[in-house]
Each structure stands twice: as structure tokens, then as C-alpha cells.
PDB file of N, CA and C in Angstrom:
ATOM      1  N   UNK A   1     130.229  61.707 183.781  1.00  0.00           N
ATOM      2  CA  UNK A   1     130.252  62.889 184.632  1.00  0.00           C
ATOM      3  C   UNK A   1     129.151  63.852 184.223  1.00  0.00           C
ATOM      4  N   UNK A   2     128.623  64.526 185.193  1.00  0.00           N
ATOM      5  CA  UNK A   2     127.604  65.551 184.979  1.00  0.00           C
ATOM      6  C   UNK A   2     127.874  66.647 185.994  1.00  0.00           C
ATOM      7  N   UNK A   3     128.350  67.786 185.531  1.00  0.00           N
ATOM      8  CA  UNK A   3     128.729  68.842 186.462  1.00  0.00           C
ATOM      9  C   UNK A   3     129.844  68.346 187.358  1.00  0.00           C
ATOM     10  N   UNK A   4     129.652  68.451 188.666  1.00  0.00           N
ATOM     11  CA  UNK A   4     130.652  67.985 189.627  1.00  0.00           C
ATOM     12  C   UNK A   4     130.482  66.520 190.022  1.00  0.00           C
ATOM     13  N   UNK A   5     129.505  65.858 189.468  1.00  0.00           N
ATOM     14  CA  UNK A   5     129.215  64.474 189.844  1.00  0.00           C
ATOM     15  C   UNK A   5     129.812  63.504 188.830  1.00  0.00           C
ATOM     16  N   UNK A   6     130.557  62.552 189.331  1.00  0.00           N
ATOM     17  CA  UNK A   6     131.081  61.478 188.491  1.00  0.00           C
ATOM     18  C   UNK A   6     130.564  60.159 189.038  1.00  0.00           C
ATOM     19  N   UNK A   7     129.880  59.422 188.195  1.00  0.00           N
ATOM     20  CA  UNK A   7     129.343  58.110 188.557  1.00  0.00           C
ATOM     21  C   UNK A   7     130.201  57.063 187.851  1.00  0.00           C
ATOM     22  N   UNK A   8     130.673  56.084 188.613  1.00  0.00           N
ATOM     23  CA  UNK A   8     131.578  55.078 188.072  1.00  0.00           C
ATOM     24  C   UNK A   8     130.869  53.732 187.981  1.00  0.00           C
ATOM     25  N   UNK A   9     130.883  53.110 186.790  1.00  0.00           N
ATOM     26  CA  UNK A   9     130.297  51.773 186.658  1.00  0.00           C
ATOM     27  C   UNK A   9     131.308  50.694 187.051  1.00  0.00           C
ATOM     28  N   UNK A  10     130.791  49.597 187.596  1.00  0.00           N
ATOM     29  CA  UNK A  10     131.615  48.444 187.966  1.00  0.00           C
ATOM     30  C   UNK A  10     130.919  47.202 187.432  1.00  0.00           C
ATOM     31  N   UNK A  11     131.625  46.447 186.589  1.00  0.00           N
ATOM     32  CA  UNK A  11     131.064  45.203 186.052  1.00  0.00           C
ATOM     33  C   UNK A  11     130.878  44.229 187.207  1.00  0.00           C
ATOM     34  N   UNK A  12     129.627  43.868 187.467  1.00  0.00           N
ATOM     35  CA  UNK A  12     129.333  42.889 188.511  1.00  0.00           C
ATOM     36  C   UNK A  12     128.429  41.792 187.955  1.00  0.00           C
ATOM     37  N   UNK A  13     128.824  41.310 186.777  1.00  0.00           N
ATOM     38  CA  UNK A  13     128.115  40.201 186.153  1.00  0.00           C
ATOM     39  C   UNK A  13     128.093  39.018 187.103  1.00  0.00           C
ATOM     40  N   UNK A  14     127.001  38.343 187.142  1.00  0.00           N
ATOM     41  CA  UNK A  14     126.888  37.162 188.001  1.00  0.00           C
ATOM     42  C   UNK A  14     125.455  36.722 188.102  1.00  0.00           C
ATOM     43  N   UNK A  15     124.667  37.485 188.831  1.00  0.00           N
ATOM     44  CA  UNK A  15     123.246  37.182 188.938  1.00  0.00           C
ATOM     45  C   UNK A  15     122.622  37.247 187.545  1.00  0.00           C
ATOM     46  N   UNK A  16     123.035  38.249 186.787  1.00  0.00           N
ATOM     47  CA  UNK A  16     122.542  38.461 185.426  1.00  0.00           C
ATOM     48  C   UNK A  16     123.722  38.876 184.560  1.00  0.00           C
ATOM     49  N   UNK A  17     123.853  38.311 183.365  1.00  0.00           N
ATOM     50  CA  UNK A  17     124.927  38.763 182.471  1.00  0.00           C
ATOM     51  C   UNK A  17     124.794  40.267 182.211  1.00  0.00           C
ATOM     52  N   UNK A  18     125.925  40.955 182.288  1.00  0.00           N
ATOM     53  CA  UNK A  18     125.927  42.385 182.026  1.00  0.00           C
ATOM     54  C   UNK A  18     125.547  43.248 183.217  1.00  0.00           C
ATOM     55  N   UNK A  19     125.379  42.663 184.389  1.00  0.00           N
ATOM     56  CA  UNK A  19     125.025  43.449 185.578  1.00  0.00           C
ATOM     57  C   UNK A  19     126.096  44.494 185.862  1.00  0.00           C
ATOM     58  N   UNK A  20     125.645  45.648 186.291  1.00  0.00           N
ATOM     59  CA  UNK A  20     126.554  46.747 186.599  1.00  0.00           C
ATOM     60  C   UNK A  20     126.157  47.340 187.946  1.00  0.00           C
ATOM     61  N   UNK A  21     127.157  47.593 188.770  1.00  0.00           N
ATOM     62  CA  UNK A  21     126.973  48.337 190.011  1.00  0.00           C
ATOM     63  C   UNK A  21     127.597  49.706 189.790  1.00  0.00           C
ATOM     64  N   UNK A  22     127.186  50.677 190.594  1.00  0.00           N
ATOM     65  CA  UNK A  22     127.605  52.064 190.380  1.00  0.00           C
ATOM     66  C   UNK A  22     128.066  52.681 191.686  1.00  0.00           C
ATOM     67  N   UNK A  23     129.072  53.528 191.611  1.00  0.00           N
ATOM     68  CA  UNK A  23     129.531  54.270 192.781  1.00  0.00           C
ATOM     69  C   UNK A  23     129.623  55.748 192.450  1.00  0.00           C
ATOM     70  N   UNK A  24     129.418  56.569 193.476  1.00  0.00           N
ATOM     71  CA  UNK A  24     129.577  58.010 193.320  1.00  0.00           C
ATOM     72  C   UNK A  24     129.760  58.651 194.684  1.00  0.00           C
ATOM     73  N   UNK A  25     130.448  59.790 194.704  1.00  0.00           N
ATOM     74  CA  UNK A  25     130.569  60.524 195.962  1.00  0.00           C
ATOM     75  C   UNK A  25     129.370  61.442 196.148  1.00  0.00           C
ATOM     76  N   UNK A  26     128.865  61.495 197.354  1.00  0.00           N
ATOM     77  CA  UNK A  26     127.804  62.447 197.702  1.00  0.00           C
ATOM     78  C   UNK A  26     128.438  63.444 198.659  1.00  0.00           C
ATOM     79  N   UNK A  27     128.514  64.703 198.223  1.00  0.00           N
ATOM     80  CA  UNK A  27     129.229  65.725 198.988  1.00  0.00           C
ATOM     81  C   UNK A  27     128.267  66.810 199.454  1.00  0.00           C
ATOM     82  N   UNK A  28     128.555  67.346 200.636  1.00  0.00           N
ATOM     83  CA  UNK A  28     127.745  68.452 201.135  1.00  0.00           C
ATOM     84  C   UNK A  28     128.374  69.783 200.716  1.00  0.00           C
ATOM     85  N   UNK A  29     127.799  70.854 201.157  1.00  0.00           N
ATOM     86  CA  UNK A  29     128.260  72.195 200.762  1.00  0.00           C
ATOM     87  C   UNK A  29     129.691  72.474 201.225  1.00  0.00           C
ATOM     88  N   UNK A  30     130.169  71.744 202.231  1.00  0.00           N
ATOM     89  CA  UNK A  30     131.535  71.922 202.737  1.00  0.00           C
ATOM     90  C   UNK A  30     132.516  70.938 202.104  1.00  0.00           C
ATOM     91  N   UNK A  31     132.069  70.249 201.053  1.00  0.00           N
ATOM     92  CA  UNK A  31     132.870  69.231 200.361  1.00  0.00           C
ATOM     93  C   UNK A  31     133.225  68.035 201.235  1.00  0.00           C
ATOM     94  N   UNK A  32     132.428  67.775 202.262  1.00  0.00           N
ATOM     95  CA  UNK A  32     132.557  66.533 203.018  1.00  0.00           C
ATOM     96  C   UNK A  32     131.790  65.478 202.226  1.00  0.00           C
ATOM     97  N   UNK A  33     132.490  64.426 201.841  1.00  0.00           N
ATOM     98  CA  UNK A  33     131.889  63.446 200.939  1.00  0.00           C
ATOM     99  C   UNK A  33     131.777  62.073 201.586  1.00  0.00           C
ATOM    100  N   UNK A  34     130.784  61.334 201.142  1.00  0.00           N
ATOM    101  CA  UNK A  34     130.634  59.929 201.489  1.00  0.00           C
ATOM    102  C   UNK A  34     130.545  59.149 200.183  1.00  0.00           C
ATOM    103  N   UNK A  35     130.874  57.874 200.236  1.00  0.00           N
ATOM    104  CA  UNK A  35     130.838  57.003 199.070  1.00  0.00           C
ATOM    105  C   UNK A  35     129.511  56.259 199.032  1.00  0.00           C
ATOM    106  N   UNK A  36     128.770  56.458 197.950  1.00  0.00           N
ATOM    107  CA  UNK A  36     127.486  55.788 197.766  1.00  0.00           C
ATOM    108  C   UNK A  36     127.671  54.682 196.729  1.00  0.00           C
ATOM    109  N   UNK A  37     127.087  53.522 197.020  1.00  0.00           N
ATOM    110  CA  UNK A  37     127.174  52.376 196.125  1.00  0.00           C
ATOM    111  C   UNK A  37     125.770  51.879 195.823  1.00  0.00           C
ATOM    112  N   UNK A  38     125.459  51.764 194.531  1.00  0.00           N
ATOM    113  CA  UNK A  38     124.293  50.989 194.110  1.00  0.00           C
ATOM    114  C   UNK A  38     124.870  49.655 193.659  1.00  0.00           C
ATOM    115  N   UNK A  39     124.579  48.592 194.391  1.00  0.00           N
ATOM    116  CA  UNK A  39     125.098  47.272 194.053  1.00  0.00           C
ATOM    117  C   UNK A  39     123.991  46.433 193.436  1.00  0.00           C
ATOM    118  N   UNK A  40     124.249  45.968 192.233  1.00  0.00           N
ATOM    119  CA  UNK A  40     123.294  45.094 191.571  1.00  0.00           C
ATOM    120  C   UNK A  40     123.239  43.767 192.320  1.00  0.00           C
ATOM    121  N   UNK A  41     122.276  42.957 191.991  1.00  0.00           N
ATOM    122  CA  UNK A  41     122.088  41.688 192.693  1.00  0.00           C
ATOM    123  C   UNK A  41     123.300  40.781 192.505  1.00  0.00           C
ATOM    124  N   UNK A  42     123.659  40.090 193.569  1.00  0.00           N
ATOM    125  CA  UNK A  42     124.774  39.147 193.555  1.00  0.00           C
ATOM    126  C   UNK A  42     124.307  37.731 193.878  1.00  0.00           C
ATOM    127  N   UNK A  43     123.012  37.501 193.895  1.00  0.00           N
ATOM    128  CA  UNK A  43     122.503  36.190 194.298  1.00  0.00           C
ATOM    129  C   UNK A  43     122.612  35.175 193.165  1.00  0.00           C
ATOM    130  N   UNK A  44     122.942  33.961 193.542  1.00  0.00           N
ATOM    131  CA  UNK A  44     123.079  32.858 192.592  1.00  0.00           C
ATOM    132  C   UNK A  44     121.716  32.203 192.395  1.00  0.00           C
ATOM    133  N   UNK A  45     120.888  32.853 191.619  1.00  0.00           N
ATOM    134  CA  UNK A  45     119.542  32.369 191.357  1.00  0.00           C
ATOM    135  C   UNK A  45     119.465  31.955 189.888  1.00  0.00           C
ATOM    136  N   UNK A  46     118.795  30.844 189.632  1.00  0.00           N
ATOM    137  CA  UNK A  46     118.656  30.368 188.256  1.00  0.00           C
ATOM    138  C   UNK A  46     117.504  29.369 188.195  1.00  0.00           C
ATOM    139  N   UNK A  47     117.295  28.838 187.017  1.00  0.00           N
ATOM    140  CA  UNK A  47     116.309  27.771 186.882  1.00  0.00           C
ATOM    141  C   UNK A  47     116.815  26.549 187.646  1.00  0.00           C
ATOM    142  N   UNK A  48     115.910  25.686 188.005  1.00  0.00           N
ATOM    143  CA  UNK A  48     116.250  24.527 188.842  1.00  0.00           C
ATOM    144  C   UNK A  48     117.277  23.608 188.176  1.00  0.00           C
ATOM    145  N   UNK A  49     117.244  23.494 186.867  1.00  0.00           N
ATOM    146  CA  UNK A  49     118.150  22.564 186.192  1.00  0.00           C
ATOM    147  C   UNK A  49     119.550  23.141 185.924  1.00  0.00           C
ATOM    148  N   UNK A  50     119.707  24.453 186.070  1.00  0.00           N
ATOM    149  CA  UNK A  50     121.014  25.075 185.832  1.00  0.00           C
ATOM    150  C   UNK A  50     121.976  24.699 186.954  1.00  0.00           C
ATOM    151  N   UNK A  51     123.190  24.372 186.588  1.00  0.00           N
ATOM    152  CA  UNK A  51     124.223  24.017 187.553  1.00  0.00           C
ATOM    153  C   UNK A  51     125.391  24.991 187.397  1.00  0.00           C
ATOM    154  N   UNK A  52     125.616  25.813 188.412  1.00  0.00           N
ATOM    155  CA  UNK A  52     126.750  26.739 188.380  1.00  0.00           C
ATOM    156  C   UNK A  52     128.055  25.966 188.240  1.00  0.00           C
ATOM    157  N   UNK A  53     128.146  24.791 188.869  1.00  0.00           N
ATOM    158  CA  UNK A  53     129.378  24.003 188.816  1.00  0.00           C
ATOM    159  C   UNK A  53     129.690  23.508 187.411  1.00  0.00           C
ATOM    160  N   UNK A  54     128.710  23.454 186.552  1.00  0.00           N
ATOM    161  CA  UNK A  54     128.933  23.044 185.167  1.00  0.00           C
ATOM    162  C   UNK A  54     129.457  24.194 184.310  1.00  0.00           C
ATOM    163  N   UNK A  55     129.515  25.386 184.877  1.00  0.00           N
ATOM    164  CA  UNK A  55     129.963  26.576 184.143  1.00  0.00           C
ATOM    165  C   UNK A  55     131.028  27.298 184.964  1.00  0.00           C
ATOM    166  N   UNK A  56     132.216  26.724 185.057  1.00  0.00           N
ATOM    167  CA  UNK A  56     133.249  27.284 185.932  1.00  0.00           C
ATOM    168  C   UNK A  56     133.640  28.724 185.586  1.00  0.00           C
ATOM    169  N   UNK A  57     133.596  29.065 184.312  1.00  0.00           N
ATOM    170  CA  UNK A  57     133.951  30.445 183.930  1.00  0.00           C
ATOM    171  C   UNK A  57     132.911  31.437 184.447  1.00  0.00           C
ATOM    172  N   UNK A  58     131.655  31.061 184.407  1.00  0.00           N
ATOM    173  CA  UNK A  58     130.605  31.946 184.913  1.00  0.00           C
ATOM    174  C   UNK A  58     130.651  32.007 186.438  1.00  0.00           C
ATOM    175  N   UNK A  59     130.936  30.888 187.061  1.00  0.00           N
ATOM    176  CA  UNK A  59     131.068  30.834 188.513  1.00  0.00           C
ATOM    177  C   UNK A  59     132.222  31.736 188.970  1.00  0.00           C
ATOM    178  N   UNK A  60     133.328  31.703 188.250  1.00  0.00           N
ATOM    179  CA  UNK A  60     134.477  32.560 188.578  1.00  0.00           C
ATOM    180  C   UNK A  60     134.107  34.034 188.411  1.00  0.00           C
ATOM    181  N   UNK A  61     133.334  34.350 187.389  1.00  0.00           N
ATOM    182  CA  UNK A  61     132.888  35.730 187.171  1.00  0.00           C
ATOM    183  C   UNK A  61     132.010  36.196 188.325  1.00  0.00           C
ATOM    184  N   UNK A  62     131.089  35.351 188.755  1.00  0.00           N
ATOM    185  CA  UNK A  62     130.221  35.696 189.881  1.00  0.00           C
ATOM    186  C   UNK A  62     131.049  35.913 191.147  1.00  0.00           C
ATOM    187  N   UNK A  63     132.000  35.054 191.384  1.00  0.00           N
ATOM    188  CA  UNK A  63     132.856  35.218 192.569  1.00  0.00           C
ATOM    189  C   UNK A  63     133.654  36.531 192.510  1.00  0.00           C
ATOM    190  N   UNK A  64     134.169  36.865 191.322  1.00  0.00           N
ATOM    191  CA  UNK A  64     134.895  38.139 191.169  1.00  0.00           C
ATOM    192  C   UNK A  64     133.975  39.316 191.442  1.00  0.00           C
ATOM    193  N   UNK A  65     132.741  39.240 190.968  1.00  0.00           N
ATOM    194  CA  UNK A  65     131.778  40.323 191.178  1.00  0.00           C
ATOM    195  C   UNK A  65     131.464  40.492 192.656  1.00  0.00           C
ATOM    196  N   UNK A  66     131.289  39.391 193.359  1.00  0.00           N
ATOM    197  CA  UNK A  66     131.023  39.450 194.793  1.00  0.00           C
ATOM    198  C   UNK A  66     132.202  40.102 195.502  1.00  0.00           C
ATOM    199  N   UNK A  67     133.409  39.678 195.167  1.00  0.00           N
ATOM    200  CA  UNK A  67     134.605  40.252 195.790  1.00  0.00           C
ATOM    201  C   UNK A  67     134.724  41.740 195.465  1.00  0.00           C
ATOM    202  N   UNK A  68     134.429  42.107 194.227  1.00  0.00           N
ATOM    203  CA  UNK A  68     134.529  43.512 193.813  1.00  0.00           C
ATOM    204  C   UNK A  68     133.622  44.396 194.656  1.00  0.00           C
ATOM    205  N   UNK A  69     132.382  43.979 194.845  1.00  0.00           N
ATOM    206  CA  UNK A  69     131.452  44.780 195.658  1.00  0.00           C
ATOM    207  C   UNK A  69     131.943  44.864 197.099  1.00  0.00           C
ATOM    208  N   UNK A  70     132.464  43.771 197.621  1.00  0.00           N
ATOM    209  CA  UNK A  70     132.961  43.770 198.994  1.00  0.00           C
ATOM    210  C   UNK A  70     134.146  44.695 199.212  1.00  0.00           C
ATOM    211  N   UNK A  71     134.859  45.025 198.153  1.00  0.00           N
ATOM    212  CA  UNK A  71     136.047  45.874 198.247  1.00  0.00           C
ATOM    213  C   UNK A  71     135.773  47.344 197.939  1.00  0.00           C
ATOM    214  N   UNK A  72     134.574  47.674 197.485  1.00  0.00           N
ATOM    215  CA  UNK A  72     134.289  49.059 197.117  1.00  0.00           C
ATOM    216  C   UNK A  72     134.300  49.980 198.338  1.00  0.00           C
ATOM    217  N   UNK A  73     134.826  51.201 198.178  1.00  0.00           N
ATOM    218  CA  UNK A  73     134.643  52.198 199.239  1.00  0.00           C
ATOM    219  C   UNK A  73     133.140  52.442 199.372  1.00  0.00           C
ATOM    220  N   UNK A  74     132.612  52.269 200.561  1.00  0.00           N
ATOM    221  CA  UNK A  74     131.165  52.177 200.694  1.00  0.00           C
ATOM    222  C   UNK A  74     130.712  52.723 202.040  1.00  0.00           C
ATOM    223  N   UNK A  75     130.078  53.880 202.021  1.00  0.00           N
ATOM    224  CA  UNK A  75     129.488  54.439 203.236  1.00  0.00           C
ATOM    225  C   UNK A  75     127.981  54.230 203.258  1.00  0.00           C
ATOM    226  N   UNK A  76     127.375  54.258 202.069  1.00  0.00           N
ATOM    227  CA  UNK A  76     125.936  54.033 201.924  1.00  0.00           C
ATOM    228  C   UNK A  76     125.742  53.015 200.812  1.00  0.00           C
ATOM    229  N   UNK A  77     125.049  51.934 201.121  1.00  0.00           N
ATOM    230  CA  UNK A  77     124.760  50.892 200.143  1.00  0.00           C
ATOM    231  C   UNK A  77     123.285  50.909 199.797  1.00  0.00           C
ATOM    232  N   UNK A  78     123.014  50.909 198.505  1.00  0.00           N
ATOM    233  CA  UNK A  78     121.657  50.750 197.979  1.00  0.00           C
ATOM    234  C   UNK A  78     121.697  49.477 197.149  1.00  0.00           C
ATOM    235  N   UNK A  79     120.883  48.514 197.492  1.00  0.00           N
ATOM    236  CA  UNK A  79     120.879  47.255 196.749  1.00  0.00           C
ATOM    237  C   UNK A  79     119.575  47.107 195.967  1.00  0.00           C
ATOM    238  N   UNK A  80     119.637  46.244 194.967  1.00  0.00           N
ATOM    239  CA  UNK A  80     118.470  45.993 194.121  1.00  0.00           C
ATOM    240  C   UNK A  80     117.262  45.607 194.956  1.00  0.00           C
ATOM    241  N   UNK A  81     117.493  44.717 195.894  1.00  0.00           N
ATOM    242  CA  UNK A  81     116.462  44.287 196.826  1.00  0.00           C
ATOM    243  C   UNK A  81     116.819  44.910 198.172  1.00  0.00           C
ATOM    244  N   UNK A  82     116.108  45.934 198.603  1.00  0.00           N
ATOM    245  CA  UNK A  82     116.477  46.666 199.820  1.00  0.00           C
ATOM    246  C   UNK A  82     116.677  45.786 201.051  1.00  0.00           C
ATOM    247  N   UNK A  83     115.949  44.687 201.138  1.00  0.00           N
ATOM    248  CA  UNK A  83     116.079  43.815 202.303  1.00  0.00           C
ATOM    249  C   UNK A  83     117.453  43.141 202.363  1.00  0.00           C
ATOM    250  N   UNK A  84     118.154  43.014 201.222  1.00  0.00           N
ATOM    251  CA  UNK A  84     119.475  42.386 201.219  1.00  0.00           C
ATOM    252  C   UNK A  84     120.546  43.283 201.830  1.00  0.00           C
ATOM    253  N   UNK A  85     120.264  44.569 201.918  1.00  0.00           N
ATOM    254  CA  UNK A  85     121.246  45.495 202.502  1.00  0.00           C
ATOM    255  C   UNK A  85     120.697  46.221 203.728  1.00  0.00           C
ATOM    256  N   UNK A  86     119.564  45.759 204.220  1.00  0.00           N
ATOM    257  CA  UNK A  86     118.926  46.389 205.390  1.00  0.00           C
ATOM    258  C   UNK A  86     118.671  47.876 205.170  1.00  0.00           C
ATOM    259  N   UNK A  87     118.373  48.248 203.943  1.00  0.00           N
ATOM    260  CA  UNK A  87     118.193  49.655 203.592  1.00  0.00           C
ATOM    261  C   UNK A  87     117.080  50.310 204.404  1.00  0.00           C
ATOM    262  N   UNK A  88     115.939  49.663 204.492  1.00  0.00           N
ATOM    263  CA  UNK A  88     114.815  50.265 205.205  1.00  0.00           C
ATOM    264  C   UNK A  88     115.084  50.349 206.704  1.00  0.00           C
ATOM    265  N   UNK A  89     115.744  49.334 207.264  1.00  0.00           N
ATOM    266  CA  UNK A  89     116.085  49.377 208.682  1.00  0.00           C
ATOM    267  C   UNK A  89     117.052  50.522 208.960  1.00  0.00           C
ATOM    268  N   UNK A  90     118.047  50.693 208.091  1.00  0.00           N
ATOM    269  CA  UNK A  90     118.992  51.796 208.273  1.00  0.00           C
ATOM    270  C   UNK A  90     118.276  53.136 208.163  1.00  0.00           C
ATOM    271  N   UNK A  91     117.362  53.238 207.228  1.00  0.00           N
ATOM    272  CA  UNK A  91     116.580  54.476 207.090  1.00  0.00           C
ATOM    273  C   UNK A  91     115.768  54.738 208.355  1.00  0.00           C
ATOM    274  N   UNK A  92     115.098  53.703 208.847  1.00  0.00           N
ATOM    275  CA  UNK A  92     114.256  53.854 210.039  1.00  0.00           C
ATOM    276  C   UNK A  92     115.074  54.170 211.288  1.00  0.00           C
ATOM    277  N   UNK A  93     116.333  53.727 211.312  1.00  0.00           N
ATOM    278  CA  UNK A  93     117.220  54.028 212.441  1.00  0.00           C
ATOM    279  C   UNK A  93     117.771  55.447 212.362  1.00  0.00           C
ATOM    280  N   UNK A  94     117.517  56.129 211.256  1.00  0.00           N
ATOM    281  CA  UNK A  94     117.934  57.524 211.128  1.00  0.00           C
ATOM    282  C   UNK A  94     119.257  57.754 210.450  1.00  0.00           C
ATOM    283  N   UNK A  95     119.899  56.696 209.970  1.00  0.00           N
ATOM    284  CA  UNK A  95     121.156  56.872 209.255  1.00  0.00           C
ATOM    285  C   UNK A  95     121.315  55.777 208.221  1.00  0.00           C
ATOM    286  N   UNK A  96     121.425  56.185 206.989  1.00  0.00           N
ATOM    287  CA  UNK A  96     121.674  55.215 205.927  1.00  0.00           C
ATOM    288  C   UNK A  96     123.130  54.777 205.909  1.00  0.00           C
ATOM    289  N   UNK A  97     123.943  55.505 206.631  1.00  0.00           N
ATOM    290  CA  UNK A  97     125.381  55.274 206.589  1.00  0.00           C
ATOM    291  C   UNK A  97     125.759  54.001 207.345  1.00  0.00           C
ATOM    292  N   UNK A  98     126.586  53.177 206.684  1.00  0.00           N
ATOM    293  CA  UNK A  98     127.092  51.949 207.277  1.00  0.00           C
ATOM    294  C   UNK A  98     128.310  51.544 206.454  1.00  0.00           C
ATOM    295  N   UNK A  99     129.490  51.835 206.957  1.00  0.00           N
ATOM    296  CA  UNK A  99     130.695  51.598 206.167  1.00  0.00           C
ATOM    297  C   UNK A  99     131.067  50.122 206.037  1.00  0.00           C
ATOM    298  N   UNK A 100     130.293  49.237 206.628  1.00  0.00           N
ATOM    299  CA  UNK A 100     130.512  47.793 206.487  1.00  0.00           C
ATOM    300  C   UNK A 100     129.437  47.131 205.614  1.00  0.00           C
ATOM    301  N   UNK A 101     128.501  47.913 205.105  1.00  0.00           N
ATOM    302  CA  UNK A 101     127.352  47.354 204.374  1.00  0.00           C
ATOM    303  C   UNK A 101     127.771  46.572 203.127  1.00  0.00           C
ATOM    304  N   UNK A 102     128.710  47.090 202.349  1.00  0.00           N
ATOM    305  CA  UNK A 102     129.123  46.377 201.129  1.00  0.00           C
ATOM    306  C   UNK A 102     129.828  45.073 201.472  1.00  0.00           C
ATOM    307  N   UNK A 103     130.638  45.082 202.515  1.00  0.00           N
ATOM    308  CA  UNK A 103     131.318  43.858 202.923  1.00  0.00           C
ATOM    309  C   UNK A 103     130.305  42.804 203.380  1.00  0.00           C
ATOM    310  N   UNK A 104     129.309  43.238 204.167  1.00  0.00           N
ATOM    311  CA  UNK A 104     128.281  42.289 204.621  1.00  0.00           C
ATOM    312  C   UNK A 104     127.460  41.769 203.444  1.00  0.00           C
ATOM    313  N   UNK A 105     127.124  42.650 202.519  1.00  0.00           N
ATOM    314  CA  UNK A 105     126.354  42.263 201.327  1.00  0.00           C
ATOM    315  C   UNK A 105     127.127  41.200 200.537  1.00  0.00           C
ATOM    316  N   UNK A 106     128.419  41.421 200.352  1.00  0.00           N
ATOM    317  CA  UNK A 106     129.251  40.469 199.619  1.00  0.00           C
ATOM    318  C   UNK A 106     129.399  39.162 200.399  1.00  0.00           C
ATOM    319  N   UNK A 107     129.592  39.250 201.714  1.00  0.00           N
ATOM    320  CA  UNK A 107     129.702  38.042 202.535  1.00  0.00           C
ATOM    321  C   UNK A 107     128.441  37.196 202.431  1.00  0.00           C
ATOM    322  N   UNK A 108     127.277  37.854 202.504  1.00  0.00           N
ATOM    323  CA  UNK A 108     126.005  37.129 202.410  1.00  0.00           C
ATOM    324  C   UNK A 108     125.851  36.491 201.026  1.00  0.00           C
ATOM    325  N   UNK A 109     126.224  37.220 199.971  1.00  0.00           N
ATOM    326  CA  UNK A 109     126.145  36.665 198.619  1.00  0.00           C
ATOM    327  C   UNK A 109     127.076  35.458 198.487  1.00  0.00           C
ATOM    328  N   UNK A 110     128.256  35.545 199.064  1.00  0.00           N
ATOM    329  CA  UNK A 110     129.203  34.436 199.020  1.00  0.00           C
ATOM    330  C   UNK A 110     128.657  33.237 199.788  1.00  0.00           C
ATOM    331  N   UNK A 111     128.042  33.498 200.931  1.00  0.00           N
ATOM    332  CA  UNK A 111     127.432  32.423 201.722  1.00  0.00           C
ATOM    333  C   UNK A 111     126.302  31.757 200.934  1.00  0.00           C
ATOM    334  N   UNK A 112     125.457  32.554 200.309  1.00  0.00           N
ATOM    335  CA  UNK A 112     124.351  32.003 199.530  1.00  0.00           C
ATOM    336  C   UNK A 112     124.872  31.189 198.346  1.00  0.00           C
ATOM    337  N   UNK A 113     125.944  31.658 197.710  1.00  0.00           N
ATOM    338  CA  UNK A 113     126.553  30.910 196.616  1.00  0.00           C
ATOM    339  C   UNK A 113     127.083  29.576 197.131  1.00  0.00           C
ATOM    340  N   UNK A 114     127.750  29.591 198.270  1.00  0.00           N
ATOM    341  CA  UNK A 114     128.249  28.349 198.861  1.00  0.00           C
ATOM    342  C   UNK A 114     127.129  27.363 199.137  1.00  0.00           C
ATOM    343  N   UNK A 115     126.009  27.863 199.648  1.00  0.00           N
ATOM    344  CA  UNK A 115     124.850  27.000 199.908  1.00  0.00           C
ATOM    345  C   UNK A 115     124.311  26.414 198.607  1.00  0.00           C
ATOM    346  N   UNK A 116     124.268  27.242 197.574  1.00  0.00           N
ATOM    347  CA  UNK A 116     123.789  26.774 196.270  1.00  0.00           C
ATOM    348  C   UNK A 116     124.712  25.679 195.735  1.00  0.00           C
ATOM    349  N   UNK A 117     126.017  25.894 195.820  1.00  0.00           N
ATOM    350  CA  UNK A 117     126.973  24.914 195.320  1.00  0.00           C
ATOM    351  C   UNK A 117     126.892  23.612 196.125  1.00  0.00           C
ATOM    352  N   UNK A 118     126.656  23.708 197.411  1.00  0.00           N
ATOM    353  CA  UNK A 118     126.494  22.514 198.250  1.00  0.00           C
ATOM    354  C   UNK A 118     125.268  21.712 197.820  1.00  0.00           C
ATOM    355  N   UNK A 119     124.172  22.408 197.512  1.00  0.00           N
ATOM    356  CA  UNK A 119     122.967  21.716 197.031  1.00  0.00           C
ATOM    357  C   UNK A 119     123.237  21.021 195.698  1.00  0.00           C
ATOM    358  N   UNK A 120     123.971  21.702 194.809  1.00  0.00           N
ATOM    359  CA  UNK A 120     124.304  21.091 193.525  1.00  0.00           C
ATOM    360  C   UNK A 120     125.165  19.839 193.739  1.00  0.00           C
ATOM    361  N   UNK A 121     126.118  19.925 194.638  1.00  0.00           N
ATOM    362  CA  UNK A 121     127.006  18.814 194.925  1.00  0.00           C
ATOM    363  C   UNK A 121     126.219  17.632 195.507  1.00  0.00           C
ATOM    364  N   UNK A 122     125.283  17.925 196.390  1.00  0.00           N
ATOM    365  CA  UNK A 122     124.457  16.871 196.994  1.00  0.00           C
ATOM    366  C   UNK A 122     123.604  16.169 195.940  1.00  0.00           C
ATOM    367  N   UNK A 123     123.113  16.925 194.966  1.00  0.00           N
ATOM    368  CA  UNK A 123     122.299  16.327 193.902  1.00  0.00           C
ATOM    369  C   UNK A 123     123.122  15.407 193.014  1.00  0.00           C
ATOM    370  N   UNK A 124     124.344  15.811 192.706  1.00  0.00           N
ATOM    371  CA  UNK A 124     125.156  15.045 191.778  1.00  0.00           C
ATOM    372  C   UNK A 124     125.962  13.947 192.466  1.00  0.00           C
ATOM    373  N   UNK A 125     126.034  14.008 193.800  1.00  0.00           N
ATOM    374  CA  UNK A 125     126.855  13.041 194.538  1.00  0.00           C
ATOM    375  C   UNK A 125     126.106  11.862 194.919  1.00  0.00           C
TER     376      UNK A 125
END
């Protein structure tokens, strides 16, 4: 906390061990607040020889992190890679606000993880 601002960390290990996402309320002079989320990367990226399926505990952690971000109260999403959350498009449209952004971000990360796991399965099958 700093003054009236409280920033909350959320363990979102997955893309990188120790990854943290952050949430905080952004309030105007009338105490009307929105929920801001900085979501760390949730993409299943690794070296070519790494197999997520060979590390079920890490895979479960990544899945929990994806679910956690999808469940956060979220009016404004800021992601590590702005293109993953359409940050610039939302800015250009005149409103950064999108109360479905965290859910879409998590859905896309889950889809990408599924694609990665399918590729791993095809290689080993």
C-alpha cells in the first residue's frame, strides 16, 4: 500500500517461474473505481525440446495461473505483450475499459496451451 493505493500481487507462475500479476483499483475524485490488472505472460513458450506433458506439476501450475487471471475482477487489462490484450486497439478506440479482457486473455492462453500440448502429443505418438 502507498497512501490510498493498494496493489495486490497474484502468483501467476507458468510462462516463467515466479511470474506475478498485479491488481489495483483506479479511482476518480468521486471514488468511482475500476479494477486494473497487469497480467504477466501466460503463454506456454519454451525451448523446442521441453515437453510440458513431462512436467505435470508445472503444467498444473500454468493452468491454475491461467484460470486465476480469467477470474480476476478486471475492467482494464494491461498485458506484458500489448497485442495479446488488444491494448493499443482499445486505446485507439478511445476506451481502455473492457470487463471481458481478462477472461479473453485467459481463454486465448488456454487455447494456445492446448495447441502446444497437441503438438507434443503428435510428436510422441
